[in-house]
N, C-alpha and C. Protein backbone atom coordinates (compact mmCIF):
# COMPACT_ATOMS: atom_id res chain seq x y z
N UNK A 1 231.82 151.07 235.38
CA UNK A 1 232.08 150.47 234.07
C UNK A 1 231.33 151.18 232.94
N UNK A 2 230.63 152.27 233.26
CA UNK A 2 229.83 152.97 232.25
C UNK A 2 230.70 153.51 231.12
N UNK A 3 231.86 154.11 231.47
CA UNK A 3 232.76 154.64 230.45
C UNK A 3 233.29 153.51 229.57
N UNK A 4 233.59 152.37 230.19
CA UNK A 4 234.09 151.22 229.44
C UNK A 4 233.04 150.70 228.48
N UNK A 5 231.79 150.66 228.94
CA UNK A 5 230.69 150.23 228.08
C UNK A 5 230.57 151.14 226.87
N UNK A 6 230.64 152.44 227.10
CA UNK A 6 230.57 153.40 226.00
C UNK A 6 231.72 153.20 225.03
N UNK A 7 232.92 152.98 225.58
CA UNK A 7 234.10 152.77 224.73
C UNK A 7 233.90 151.59 223.80
N UNK A 8 233.43 150.46 224.34
CA UNK A 8 233.30 149.27 223.51
C UNK A 8 232.12 149.36 222.55
N UNK A 9 231.09 150.10 222.91
CA UNK A 9 230.03 150.35 221.95
C UNK A 9 230.56 151.16 220.76
N UNK A 10 231.49 152.08 221.06
CA UNK A 10 232.04 152.94 220.00
C UNK A 10 233.01 152.19 219.08
N UNK A 11 233.78 151.25 219.64
CA UNK A 11 234.81 150.58 218.83
C UNK A 11 234.34 149.25 218.26
N UNK A 12 233.13 148.83 218.58
CA UNK A 12 232.67 147.49 218.19
C UNK A 12 232.75 147.24 216.69
N UNK A 13 232.34 148.23 215.89
CA UNK A 13 232.29 148.04 214.44
C UNK A 13 233.66 147.72 213.85
N UNK A 14 234.70 148.30 214.41
CA UNK A 14 236.05 148.11 213.87
C UNK A 14 236.89 147.13 214.68
N UNK A 15 236.30 146.50 215.68
CA UNK A 15 237.07 145.66 216.59
C UNK A 15 237.77 144.52 215.85
N UNK A 16 237.02 143.78 215.03
CA UNK A 16 237.60 142.63 214.34
C UNK A 16 238.72 143.04 213.39
N UNK A 17 238.58 144.21 212.78
CA UNK A 17 239.57 144.67 211.80
C UNK A 17 240.87 145.10 212.46
N UNK A 18 240.81 145.48 213.74
CA UNK A 18 242.00 146.04 214.40
C UNK A 18 242.66 145.09 215.39
N UNK A 19 241.94 144.11 215.92
CA UNK A 19 242.49 143.32 217.02
C UNK A 19 243.78 142.59 216.62
N UNK A 20 243.81 142.01 215.42
CA UNK A 20 245.00 141.28 215.01
C UNK A 20 246.15 142.22 214.68
N UNK A 21 245.84 143.47 214.31
CA UNK A 21 246.89 144.45 214.05
C UNK A 21 247.51 144.95 215.34
N UNK A 22 246.72 144.96 216.41
CA UNK A 22 247.17 145.55 217.67
C UNK A 22 247.79 144.54 218.63
N UNK A 23 247.43 143.28 218.49
CA UNK A 23 247.83 142.29 219.48
C UNK A 23 248.73 141.23 218.86
N UNK A 24 249.96 141.17 219.32
CA UNK A 24 250.93 140.21 218.79
C UNK A 24 250.47 138.78 219.07
N UNK A 25 250.51 137.95 218.04
CA UNK A 25 250.19 136.52 218.18
C UNK A 25 248.79 136.28 218.74
N UNK A 26 247.84 137.12 218.34
CA UNK A 26 246.46 136.98 218.81
C UNK A 26 245.90 135.59 218.53
N UNK A 27 246.09 135.10 217.31
CA UNK A 27 245.51 133.81 216.94
C UNK A 27 246.15 132.66 217.71
N UNK A 28 247.45 132.75 217.99
CA UNK A 28 248.10 131.73 218.82
C UNK A 28 247.50 131.71 220.22
N UNK A 29 247.29 132.88 220.76
CA UNK A 29 246.73 132.98 222.11
C UNK A 29 245.34 132.36 222.16
N UNK A 30 244.50 132.68 221.18
CA UNK A 30 243.13 132.16 221.17
C UNK A 30 243.13 130.65 220.96
N UNK A 31 244.03 130.16 220.12
CA UNK A 31 244.12 128.71 219.91
C UNK A 31 244.47 127.99 221.21
N UNK A 32 245.40 128.58 221.98
CA UNK A 32 245.75 127.99 223.28
C UNK A 32 244.56 127.99 224.22
N UNK A 33 243.75 129.04 224.17
CA UNK A 33 242.56 129.12 225.02
C UNK A 33 241.55 128.03 224.65
N UNK A 34 241.28 127.87 223.36
CA UNK A 34 240.31 126.86 222.91
C UNK A 34 240.81 125.46 223.25
N UNK A 35 242.11 125.24 223.10
CA UNK A 35 242.67 123.92 223.40
C UNK A 35 242.55 123.55 224.87
N UNK A 36 242.34 124.54 225.73
CA UNK A 36 242.23 124.28 227.17
C UNK A 36 240.88 123.70 227.57
N UNK A 37 239.89 123.78 226.69
CA UNK A 37 238.56 123.25 227.01
C UNK A 37 238.60 121.73 226.93
N UNK A 38 238.19 121.03 227.99
CA UNK A 38 238.25 119.56 227.97
C UNK A 38 237.35 118.97 226.89
N UNK A 39 237.81 117.86 226.31
CA UNK A 39 236.99 117.15 225.33
C UNK A 39 235.71 116.66 225.98
N UNK A 40 234.61 117.03 225.39
CA UNK A 40 233.29 116.68 225.92
C UNK A 40 232.33 116.77 224.74
N UNK A 41 231.46 115.80 224.62
CA UNK A 41 230.57 115.76 223.46
C UNK A 41 229.68 117.00 223.38
N UNK A 42 229.19 117.44 224.53
CA UNK A 42 228.28 118.60 224.53
C UNK A 42 228.52 119.47 225.76
N UNK A 43 229.66 120.14 225.81
CA UNK A 43 229.99 120.95 227.00
C UNK A 43 229.12 122.19 227.12
N UNK A 44 228.89 122.61 228.36
CA UNK A 44 228.26 123.90 228.65
C UNK A 44 229.38 124.88 228.94
N UNK A 45 229.42 125.95 228.15
CA UNK A 45 230.55 126.87 228.21
C UNK A 45 230.04 128.30 228.35
N UNK A 46 230.69 129.06 229.23
CA UNK A 46 230.43 130.50 229.36
C UNK A 46 231.59 131.26 228.76
N UNK A 47 231.30 132.11 227.78
CA UNK A 47 232.29 133.01 227.19
C UNK A 47 232.09 134.37 227.83
N UNK A 48 232.95 134.68 228.80
CA UNK A 48 232.78 135.85 229.66
C UNK A 48 233.51 137.04 229.04
N UNK A 49 232.73 138.04 228.61
CA UNK A 49 233.31 139.14 227.86
C UNK A 49 233.49 138.71 226.42
N UNK A 50 232.42 138.24 225.81
CA UNK A 50 232.49 137.56 224.50
C UNK A 50 232.83 138.48 223.35
N UNK A 51 232.66 139.80 223.52
CA UNK A 51 232.95 140.72 222.44
C UNK A 51 232.09 140.44 221.21
N UNK A 52 232.73 140.39 220.06
CA UNK A 52 232.01 140.20 218.80
C UNK A 52 231.80 138.74 218.44
N UNK A 53 232.11 137.84 219.37
CA UNK A 53 231.81 136.43 219.16
C UNK A 53 232.91 135.61 218.52
N UNK A 54 234.11 136.16 218.40
CA UNK A 54 235.20 135.42 217.76
C UNK A 54 235.51 134.11 218.47
N UNK A 55 235.56 134.16 219.80
CA UNK A 55 235.92 132.96 220.56
C UNK A 55 234.80 131.94 220.51
N UNK A 56 233.57 132.39 220.69
CA UNK A 56 232.44 131.47 220.64
C UNK A 56 232.37 130.76 219.30
N UNK A 57 232.65 131.46 218.22
CA UNK A 57 232.63 130.82 216.89
C UNK A 57 233.65 129.70 216.82
N UNK A 58 234.84 129.93 217.33
CA UNK A 58 235.87 128.90 217.32
C UNK A 58 235.50 127.75 218.26
N UNK A 59 234.87 128.07 219.38
CA UNK A 59 234.44 127.02 220.32
C UNK A 59 233.43 126.09 219.65
N UNK A 60 232.46 126.66 218.95
CA UNK A 60 231.41 125.84 218.35
C UNK A 60 231.89 125.12 217.09
N UNK A 61 232.94 125.61 216.47
CA UNK A 61 233.56 124.85 215.40
C UNK A 61 234.24 123.61 215.97
N UNK A 62 234.78 123.73 217.16
CA UNK A 62 235.44 122.60 217.83
C UNK A 62 234.42 121.69 218.51
N UNK A 63 233.37 122.29 219.11
CA UNK A 63 232.36 121.54 219.86
C UNK A 63 230.97 121.88 219.32
N UNK A 64 230.61 121.34 218.16
CA UNK A 64 229.34 121.72 217.51
C UNK A 64 228.10 121.38 218.33
N UNK A 65 228.21 120.43 219.25
CA UNK A 65 227.06 120.07 220.09
C UNK A 65 227.09 120.77 221.45
N UNK A 66 228.03 121.67 221.63
CA UNK A 66 228.12 122.40 222.88
C UNK A 66 227.04 123.46 222.99
N UNK A 67 226.88 123.99 224.21
CA UNK A 67 225.95 125.09 224.45
C UNK A 67 226.75 126.22 225.09
N UNK A 68 226.70 127.39 224.47
CA UNK A 68 227.53 128.51 224.91
C UNK A 68 226.65 129.67 225.36
N UNK A 69 227.03 130.26 226.49
CA UNK A 69 226.43 131.52 226.94
C UNK A 69 227.43 132.64 226.64
N UNK A 70 227.01 133.60 225.83
CA UNK A 70 227.84 134.76 225.50
C UNK A 70 227.45 135.92 226.41
N UNK A 71 228.39 136.40 227.21
CA UNK A 71 228.12 137.45 228.20
C UNK A 71 229.03 138.64 227.89
N UNK A 72 228.43 139.81 227.74
CA UNK A 72 229.25 140.99 227.47
C UNK A 72 228.57 142.25 227.98
N UNK A 73 229.39 143.25 228.25
CA UNK A 73 228.92 144.55 228.74
C UNK A 73 228.28 145.39 227.64
N UNK A 74 228.76 145.21 226.41
CA UNK A 74 228.40 146.10 225.31
C UNK A 74 227.27 145.55 224.45
N UNK A 75 226.19 146.31 224.35
CA UNK A 75 225.08 145.91 223.48
C UNK A 75 225.52 145.80 222.03
N UNK A 76 226.40 146.71 221.60
CA UNK A 76 226.85 146.70 220.21
C UNK A 76 227.69 145.47 219.91
N UNK A 77 228.55 145.09 220.85
CA UNK A 77 229.34 143.87 220.67
C UNK A 77 228.42 142.66 220.54
N UNK A 78 227.43 142.57 221.41
CA UNK A 78 226.48 141.45 221.35
C UNK A 78 225.71 141.45 220.03
N UNK A 79 225.34 142.62 219.57
CA UNK A 79 224.62 142.74 218.29
C UNK A 79 225.45 142.16 217.15
N UNK A 80 226.74 142.49 217.12
CA UNK A 80 227.63 141.97 216.08
C UNK A 80 227.82 140.47 216.25
N UNK A 81 227.97 140.02 217.50
CA UNK A 81 228.12 138.59 217.76
C UNK A 81 226.90 137.81 217.26
N UNK A 82 225.71 138.32 217.51
CA UNK A 82 224.49 137.64 217.06
C UNK A 82 224.47 137.50 215.54
N UNK A 83 224.89 138.55 214.85
CA UNK A 83 224.92 138.49 213.39
C UNK A 83 225.97 137.49 212.91
N UNK A 84 227.14 137.52 213.53
CA UNK A 84 228.23 136.62 213.14
C UNK A 84 227.87 135.16 213.40
N UNK A 85 227.11 134.92 214.46
CA UNK A 85 226.80 133.56 214.90
C UNK A 85 225.37 133.16 214.59
N UNK A 86 224.77 133.80 213.60
CA UNK A 86 223.35 133.58 213.30
C UNK A 86 223.04 132.16 212.85
N UNK A 87 224.04 131.42 212.38
CA UNK A 87 223.80 130.04 211.94
C UNK A 87 223.66 129.07 213.10
N UNK A 88 223.98 129.52 214.31
CA UNK A 88 223.95 128.63 215.47
C UNK A 88 222.70 128.88 216.30
N UNK A 89 222.10 127.79 216.79
CA UNK A 89 220.92 127.93 217.65
C UNK A 89 221.18 127.45 219.08
N UNK A 90 222.46 127.23 219.40
CA UNK A 90 222.83 126.73 220.72
C UNK A 90 223.62 127.78 221.51
N UNK A 91 223.21 129.04 221.36
CA UNK A 91 223.87 130.15 222.05
C UNK A 91 222.84 130.98 222.79
N UNK A 92 223.16 131.32 224.03
CA UNK A 92 222.36 132.26 224.82
C UNK A 92 223.17 133.55 224.97
N UNK A 93 222.52 134.69 224.82
CA UNK A 93 223.20 135.98 224.91
C UNK A 93 222.75 136.72 226.16
N UNK A 94 223.71 137.26 226.91
CA UNK A 94 223.42 138.02 228.12
C UNK A 94 224.22 139.32 228.08
N UNK A 95 223.54 140.44 228.27
CA UNK A 95 224.20 141.75 228.36
C UNK A 95 224.23 142.17 229.82
N UNK A 96 225.42 142.48 230.33
CA UNK A 96 225.50 142.88 231.72
C UNK A 96 226.93 143.16 232.15
N UNK A 97 227.07 143.69 233.33
CA UNK A 97 228.36 144.00 233.95
C UNK A 97 228.76 142.82 234.82
N UNK A 98 229.75 142.06 234.38
CA UNK A 98 230.09 140.84 235.13
C UNK A 98 230.79 141.13 236.45
N UNK A 99 231.12 142.40 236.73
CA UNK A 99 231.72 142.71 238.02
C UNK A 99 230.68 142.86 239.13
N UNK A 100 229.41 142.99 238.75
CA UNK A 100 228.38 143.18 239.79
C UNK A 100 227.23 142.18 239.68
N UNK A 101 227.20 141.38 238.61
CA UNK A 101 226.13 140.41 238.45
C UNK A 101 226.66 139.01 238.70
N UNK A 102 226.03 138.30 239.62
CA UNK A 102 226.43 136.93 239.89
C UNK A 102 226.07 136.03 238.71
N UNK A 103 226.96 135.09 238.41
CA UNK A 103 226.66 134.06 237.42
C UNK A 103 225.75 133.04 238.11
N UNK A 104 224.64 132.70 237.50
CA UNK A 104 223.64 131.89 238.20
C UNK A 104 223.50 130.49 237.62
N UNK A 105 224.28 130.15 236.61
CA UNK A 105 224.19 128.83 236.01
C UNK A 105 225.45 128.04 236.34
N UNK A 106 225.53 126.81 235.84
CA UNK A 106 226.70 125.97 236.04
C UNK A 106 227.27 125.58 234.68
N UNK A 107 228.61 125.49 234.62
CA UNK A 107 229.28 125.25 233.35
C UNK A 107 230.40 124.23 233.50
N UNK A 108 230.70 123.57 232.36
CA UNK A 108 231.86 122.67 232.30
C UNK A 108 233.14 123.47 232.11
N UNK A 109 233.02 124.60 231.43
CA UNK A 109 234.19 125.46 231.20
C UNK A 109 233.73 126.91 231.15
N UNK A 110 234.52 127.77 231.77
CA UNK A 110 234.33 129.22 231.65
C UNK A 110 235.61 129.78 231.06
N UNK A 111 235.46 130.50 229.96
CA UNK A 111 236.62 131.08 229.29
C UNK A 111 236.41 132.58 229.14
N UNK A 112 237.52 133.28 229.02
CA UNK A 112 237.44 134.73 228.82
C UNK A 112 238.64 135.17 228.00
N UNK A 113 238.45 136.22 227.23
CA UNK A 113 239.53 136.74 226.40
C UNK A 113 239.51 138.26 226.39
N UNK A 114 240.59 138.85 226.86
CA UNK A 114 240.79 140.31 226.77
C UNK A 114 239.64 141.09 227.40
N UNK A 115 239.19 140.60 228.56
CA UNK A 115 238.06 141.26 229.23
C UNK A 115 238.33 141.52 230.71
N UNK A 116 238.84 140.52 231.41
CA UNK A 116 238.91 140.62 232.87
C UNK A 116 239.95 141.63 233.35
N UNK A 117 240.88 142.03 232.48
CA UNK A 117 241.86 143.04 232.90
C UNK A 117 241.23 144.42 233.08
N UNK A 118 239.96 144.55 232.71
CA UNK A 118 239.25 145.82 232.95
C UNK A 118 238.68 145.91 234.37
N UNK A 119 238.66 144.80 235.09
CA UNK A 119 238.15 144.82 236.47
C UNK A 119 239.07 145.71 237.31
N UNK A 120 238.52 146.64 238.11
CA UNK A 120 239.31 147.77 238.59
C UNK A 120 240.34 147.52 239.68
N UNK A 121 240.22 146.46 240.48
CA UNK A 121 241.20 146.26 241.55
C UNK A 121 241.28 144.79 241.92
N UNK A 122 242.26 144.45 242.76
CA UNK A 122 242.51 143.04 243.07
C UNK A 122 241.36 142.38 243.82
N UNK A 123 240.70 143.11 244.72
CA UNK A 123 239.58 142.51 245.44
C UNK A 123 238.44 142.20 244.49
N UNK A 124 238.18 143.11 243.57
CA UNK A 124 237.12 142.87 242.58
C UNK A 124 237.49 141.71 241.66
N UNK A 125 238.77 141.59 241.33
CA UNK A 125 239.21 140.46 240.51
C UNK A 125 239.04 139.15 241.28
N UNK A 126 239.40 139.17 242.56
CA UNK A 126 239.23 137.97 243.37
C UNK A 126 237.75 137.59 243.48
N UNK A 127 236.89 138.58 243.69
CA UNK A 127 235.45 138.31 243.75
C UNK A 127 234.96 137.69 242.45
N UNK A 128 235.47 138.18 241.33
CA UNK A 128 235.09 137.62 240.03
C UNK A 128 235.54 136.18 239.91
N UNK A 129 236.78 135.91 240.33
CA UNK A 129 237.27 134.53 240.30
C UNK A 129 236.44 133.62 241.19
N UNK A 130 235.96 134.15 242.32
CA UNK A 130 235.11 133.35 243.20
C UNK A 130 233.79 133.02 242.52
N UNK A 131 233.19 134.01 241.85
CA UNK A 131 231.95 133.77 241.09
C UNK A 131 232.18 132.69 240.03
N UNK A 132 233.31 132.79 239.36
CA UNK A 132 233.63 131.82 238.30
C UNK A 132 233.77 130.43 238.90
N UNK A 133 234.53 130.33 239.99
CA UNK A 133 234.74 129.03 240.65
C UNK A 133 233.41 128.42 241.06
N UNK A 134 232.56 129.22 241.67
CA UNK A 134 231.27 128.72 242.16
C UNK A 134 230.34 128.31 241.02
N UNK A 135 230.59 128.82 239.82
CA UNK A 135 229.71 128.55 238.68
C UNK A 135 230.19 127.39 237.81
N UNK A 136 231.25 126.73 238.24
CA UNK A 136 231.75 125.55 237.53
C UNK A 136 231.23 124.27 238.16
N UNK A 137 230.96 123.28 237.32
CA UNK A 137 230.74 121.93 237.83
C UNK A 137 232.05 121.43 238.43
N UNK A 138 231.96 120.46 239.33
CA UNK A 138 233.17 119.80 239.84
C UNK A 138 233.94 119.22 238.66
N UNK A 139 235.23 119.52 238.61
CA UNK A 139 236.04 119.08 237.48
C UNK A 139 236.04 120.06 236.32
N UNK A 140 235.25 121.13 236.44
CA UNK A 140 235.21 122.15 235.40
C UNK A 140 236.46 123.01 235.40
N UNK A 141 236.68 123.70 234.29
CA UNK A 141 237.90 124.50 234.16
C UNK A 141 237.58 125.96 233.84
N UNK A 142 238.49 126.83 234.25
CA UNK A 142 238.46 128.24 233.87
C UNK A 142 239.80 128.58 233.25
N UNK A 143 239.77 129.21 232.08
CA UNK A 143 240.99 129.71 231.47
C UNK A 143 240.75 131.10 230.89
N UNK A 144 241.75 131.94 231.06
CA UNK A 144 241.66 133.34 230.65
C UNK A 144 242.82 133.68 229.72
N UNK A 145 242.50 134.26 228.57
CA UNK A 145 243.51 134.77 227.65
C UNK A 145 243.49 136.29 227.77
N UNK A 146 244.55 136.86 228.33
CA UNK A 146 244.41 138.26 228.70
C UNK A 146 245.74 138.99 228.78
N UNK A 147 245.61 140.29 228.97
CA UNK A 147 246.74 141.18 229.18
C UNK A 147 247.21 141.05 230.62
N UNK A 148 248.51 140.96 230.82
CA UNK A 148 249.08 140.92 232.17
C UNK A 148 250.10 142.05 232.32
N UNK A 149 250.36 142.38 233.56
CA UNK A 149 251.33 143.43 233.88
C UNK A 149 252.73 142.83 233.95
N UNK A 150 253.70 143.51 233.37
CA UNK A 150 255.08 143.05 233.43
C UNK A 150 255.61 143.14 234.86
N UNK A 151 256.60 142.30 235.17
CA UNK A 151 257.15 142.25 236.53
C UNK A 151 258.23 143.29 236.79
N UNK A 152 258.68 143.98 235.75
CA UNK A 152 259.77 144.94 235.94
C UNK A 152 259.62 146.10 234.96
N UNK A 153 260.26 147.22 235.30
CA UNK A 153 260.23 148.38 234.41
C UNK A 153 260.87 148.04 233.07
N UNK A 154 261.93 147.23 233.11
CA UNK A 154 262.59 146.86 231.86
C UNK A 154 261.64 146.10 230.94
N UNK A 155 260.89 145.16 231.50
CA UNK A 155 259.96 144.38 230.68
C UNK A 155 258.80 145.23 230.16
N UNK A 156 258.42 146.26 230.92
CA UNK A 156 257.40 147.20 230.42
C UNK A 156 257.92 147.91 229.18
N UNK A 157 259.17 148.40 229.24
CA UNK A 157 259.77 149.07 228.09
C UNK A 157 259.90 148.11 226.92
N UNK A 158 260.34 146.90 227.20
CA UNK A 158 260.50 145.88 226.16
C UNK A 158 259.18 145.60 225.46
N UNK A 159 258.12 145.49 226.24
CA UNK A 159 256.80 145.22 225.67
C UNK A 159 256.32 146.40 224.82
N UNK A 160 256.55 147.62 225.29
CA UNK A 160 256.15 148.80 224.53
C UNK A 160 256.86 148.83 223.17
N UNK A 161 258.15 148.53 223.20
CA UNK A 161 258.94 148.53 221.97
C UNK A 161 258.43 147.47 220.99
N UNK A 162 258.18 146.28 221.52
CA UNK A 162 257.72 145.17 220.68
C UNK A 162 256.34 145.46 220.10
N UNK A 163 255.44 146.01 220.92
CA UNK A 163 254.09 146.31 220.46
C UNK A 163 254.10 147.36 219.35
N UNK A 164 254.87 148.42 219.53
CA UNK A 164 254.96 149.47 218.51
C UNK A 164 255.52 148.91 217.21
N UNK A 165 256.55 148.09 217.30
CA UNK A 165 257.16 147.48 216.11
C UNK A 165 256.15 146.61 215.38
N UNK A 166 255.43 145.79 216.12
CA UNK A 166 254.45 144.88 215.52
C UNK A 166 253.33 145.67 214.83
N UNK A 167 252.83 146.70 215.50
CA UNK A 167 251.73 147.48 214.92
C UNK A 167 252.17 148.20 213.65
N UNK A 168 253.39 148.73 213.64
CA UNK A 168 253.89 149.40 212.43
C UNK A 168 254.03 148.42 211.29
N UNK A 169 254.51 147.21 211.60
CA UNK A 169 254.66 146.18 210.56
C UNK A 169 253.31 145.77 209.98
N UNK A 170 252.23 146.00 210.73
CA UNK A 170 250.90 145.63 210.27
C UNK A 170 250.11 146.84 209.75
N UNK A 171 250.83 147.90 209.42
CA UNK A 171 250.21 149.02 208.74
C UNK A 171 249.66 150.11 209.63
N UNK A 172 249.90 150.04 210.92
CA UNK A 172 249.40 151.08 211.83
C UNK A 172 250.29 152.32 211.77
N UNK A 173 249.67 153.47 211.83
CA UNK A 173 250.40 154.73 211.85
C UNK A 173 250.81 155.08 213.28
N UNK A 174 251.66 156.10 213.41
CA UNK A 174 252.04 156.56 214.74
C UNK A 174 250.81 157.01 215.52
N UNK A 175 249.85 157.62 214.81
CA UNK A 175 248.61 158.06 215.46
C UNK A 175 247.80 156.86 215.96
N UNK A 176 247.75 155.79 215.15
CA UNK A 176 247.07 154.57 215.57
C UNK A 176 247.68 154.02 216.86
N UNK A 177 248.99 154.01 216.90
CA UNK A 177 249.70 153.46 218.06
C UNK A 177 249.42 154.30 219.30
N UNK A 178 249.46 155.62 219.15
CA UNK A 178 249.19 156.50 220.29
C UNK A 178 247.75 156.35 220.78
N UNK A 179 246.80 156.20 219.86
CA UNK A 179 245.40 155.99 220.25
C UNK A 179 245.25 154.68 221.00
N UNK A 180 245.91 153.64 220.51
CA UNK A 180 245.88 152.33 221.18
C UNK A 180 246.42 152.45 222.60
N UNK A 181 247.55 153.12 222.75
CA UNK A 181 248.16 153.26 224.07
C UNK A 181 247.27 154.09 225.00
N UNK A 182 246.64 155.14 224.47
CA UNK A 182 245.76 155.98 225.27
C UNK A 182 244.57 155.18 225.78
N UNK A 183 243.93 154.42 224.89
CA UNK A 183 242.79 153.59 225.30
C UNK A 183 243.20 152.56 226.33
N UNK A 184 244.37 151.98 226.13
CA UNK A 184 244.87 150.98 227.07
C UNK A 184 245.11 151.60 228.44
N UNK A 185 245.73 152.76 228.47
CA UNK A 185 246.01 153.41 229.75
C UNK A 185 244.74 153.85 230.47
N UNK A 186 243.71 154.22 229.70
CA UNK A 186 242.46 154.69 230.29
C UNK A 186 241.57 153.54 230.78
N UNK A 187 241.65 152.39 230.12
CA UNK A 187 240.68 151.33 230.36
C UNK A 187 241.24 150.06 230.99
N UNK A 188 242.55 149.87 230.95
CA UNK A 188 243.13 148.60 231.39
C UNK A 188 243.66 148.70 232.82
N UNK A 189 243.44 147.63 233.60
CA UNK A 189 243.98 147.54 234.96
C UNK A 189 244.60 146.15 235.13
N UNK A 190 245.69 145.88 234.39
CA UNK A 190 246.29 144.55 234.48
C UNK A 190 247.07 144.36 235.78
N UNK A 191 247.23 143.11 236.17
CA UNK A 191 248.10 142.75 237.29
C UNK A 191 249.05 141.66 236.80
N UNK A 192 250.05 141.34 237.61
CA UNK A 192 251.05 140.38 237.17
C UNK A 192 250.47 138.96 237.15
N UNK A 193 251.14 138.11 236.41
CA UNK A 193 250.72 136.72 236.33
C UNK A 193 250.75 136.05 237.70
N UNK A 194 251.76 136.36 238.49
CA UNK A 194 251.86 135.77 239.82
C UNK A 194 250.71 136.22 240.71
N UNK A 195 250.27 137.46 240.57
CA UNK A 195 249.11 137.93 241.33
C UNK A 195 247.85 137.18 240.93
N UNK A 196 247.68 136.94 239.63
CA UNK A 196 246.52 136.16 239.17
C UNK A 196 246.54 134.76 239.77
N UNK A 197 247.70 134.13 239.72
CA UNK A 197 247.82 132.76 240.24
C UNK A 197 247.48 132.72 241.73
N UNK A 198 247.96 133.71 242.48
CA UNK A 198 247.67 133.77 243.91
C UNK A 198 246.17 133.91 244.15
N UNK A 199 245.50 134.76 243.39
CA UNK A 199 244.05 134.95 243.56
C UNK A 199 243.29 133.67 243.22
N UNK A 200 243.70 132.99 242.16
CA UNK A 200 243.05 131.73 241.79
C UNK A 200 243.20 130.69 242.89
N UNK A 201 244.39 130.63 243.47
CA UNK A 201 244.62 129.70 244.58
C UNK A 201 243.73 130.03 245.77
N UNK A 202 243.60 131.32 246.07
CA UNK A 202 242.84 131.74 247.25
C UNK A 202 241.36 131.40 247.15
N UNK A 203 240.81 131.36 245.93
CA UNK A 203 239.38 131.04 245.80
C UNK A 203 239.14 129.55 245.63
N UNK A 204 240.22 128.75 245.52
CA UNK A 204 240.04 127.30 245.52
C UNK A 204 240.48 126.55 244.29
N UNK A 205 240.93 127.23 243.25
CA UNK A 205 241.33 126.52 242.04
C UNK A 205 242.55 125.63 242.29
N UNK A 206 242.57 124.49 241.61
CA UNK A 206 243.70 123.56 241.65
C UNK A 206 244.27 123.43 240.24
N UNK A 207 245.43 122.76 240.17
CA UNK A 207 246.08 122.50 238.88
C UNK A 207 246.21 123.79 238.06
N UNK A 208 246.57 124.87 238.73
CA UNK A 208 246.72 126.16 238.07
C UNK A 208 247.97 126.13 237.19
N UNK A 209 247.84 126.63 235.99
CA UNK A 209 248.97 126.58 235.07
C UNK A 209 248.89 127.73 234.06
N UNK A 210 250.03 127.99 233.45
CA UNK A 210 250.13 128.96 232.36
C UNK A 210 250.34 128.17 231.08
N UNK A 211 249.38 128.21 230.17
CA UNK A 211 249.45 127.41 228.96
C UNK A 211 250.18 128.11 227.82
N UNK A 212 250.21 129.43 227.88
CA UNK A 212 250.83 130.20 226.79
C UNK A 212 251.16 131.59 227.31
N UNK A 213 252.30 132.12 226.87
CA UNK A 213 252.67 133.48 227.26
C UNK A 213 253.57 134.08 226.19
N UNK A 214 253.31 135.33 225.87
CA UNK A 214 254.17 136.08 224.96
C UNK A 214 254.17 137.53 225.42
N UNK A 215 255.30 137.97 225.98
CA UNK A 215 255.42 139.30 226.55
C UNK A 215 254.27 139.58 227.52
N UNK A 216 253.39 140.54 227.23
CA UNK A 216 252.37 140.92 228.22
C UNK A 216 251.01 140.28 227.96
N UNK A 217 250.99 139.17 227.25
CA UNK A 217 249.75 138.43 227.04
C UNK A 217 249.96 136.98 227.48
N UNK A 218 248.92 136.40 228.08
CA UNK A 218 249.07 135.04 228.60
C UNK A 218 247.73 134.32 228.63
N UNK A 219 247.80 132.99 228.62
CA UNK A 219 246.64 132.14 228.84
C UNK A 219 246.92 131.33 230.10
N UNK A 220 246.08 131.50 231.10
CA UNK A 220 246.29 130.84 232.38
C UNK A 220 244.94 130.43 232.97
N UNK A 221 244.98 129.53 233.95
CA UNK A 221 243.73 129.12 234.59
C UNK A 221 243.92 127.89 235.45
N UNK A 222 242.80 127.24 235.78
CA UNK A 222 242.87 126.08 236.64
C UNK A 222 241.57 125.30 236.64
N UNK A 223 241.51 124.32 237.56
CA UNK A 223 240.40 123.37 237.62
C UNK A 223 239.72 123.44 238.97
N UNK A 224 238.41 123.24 238.99
CA UNK A 224 237.67 123.14 240.24
C UNK A 224 237.69 121.69 240.68
N UNK A 225 238.30 121.44 241.84
CA UNK A 225 238.38 120.07 242.37
C UNK A 225 238.12 120.07 243.86
């Protein structure tokens, strides 16, 4: 994950400015993720792959008495998150590689956004899901807003066409689009939604569901019971 860490340290400064230009319906996806967190006066939440803190900010706007752990690979991302979230005193920050470090606390909800698709293979993804499951309280939930792999060559082409159209409509140049695709091809290892569901079932999750989907992005997860 060293190359990935370097990549995100390099793009951290411009991440917030580009994410909505590059990702169709980003705000809808994040809203669906936040809505998946059960109502609780003071939930303990892990934001896995927190990036610049966008999700944690929305979580604490919804749950001001909650306690959030922000976990990310990139020191630069965490640095920006700390600045963005400086008004909050109920956040813990952890820098590390979540593919090799066990989660050692317990949470009411574990959420992730645009991070877990970087995990390199299905066994490593399953191991990560097992760590997540073990780190939830009974009745706790895990939901992931992430990139998924299309089920057919046609849908891959359809997604490419839609993504390019959306990025151009938001002011991206052809060079921007090619750079985005290059970074995605170098750093992303998505799998299909059905593969994710199977892995979640295998580690013990129940009530698995897909809360939102638009082309190659989805919000999915389940409950520990």
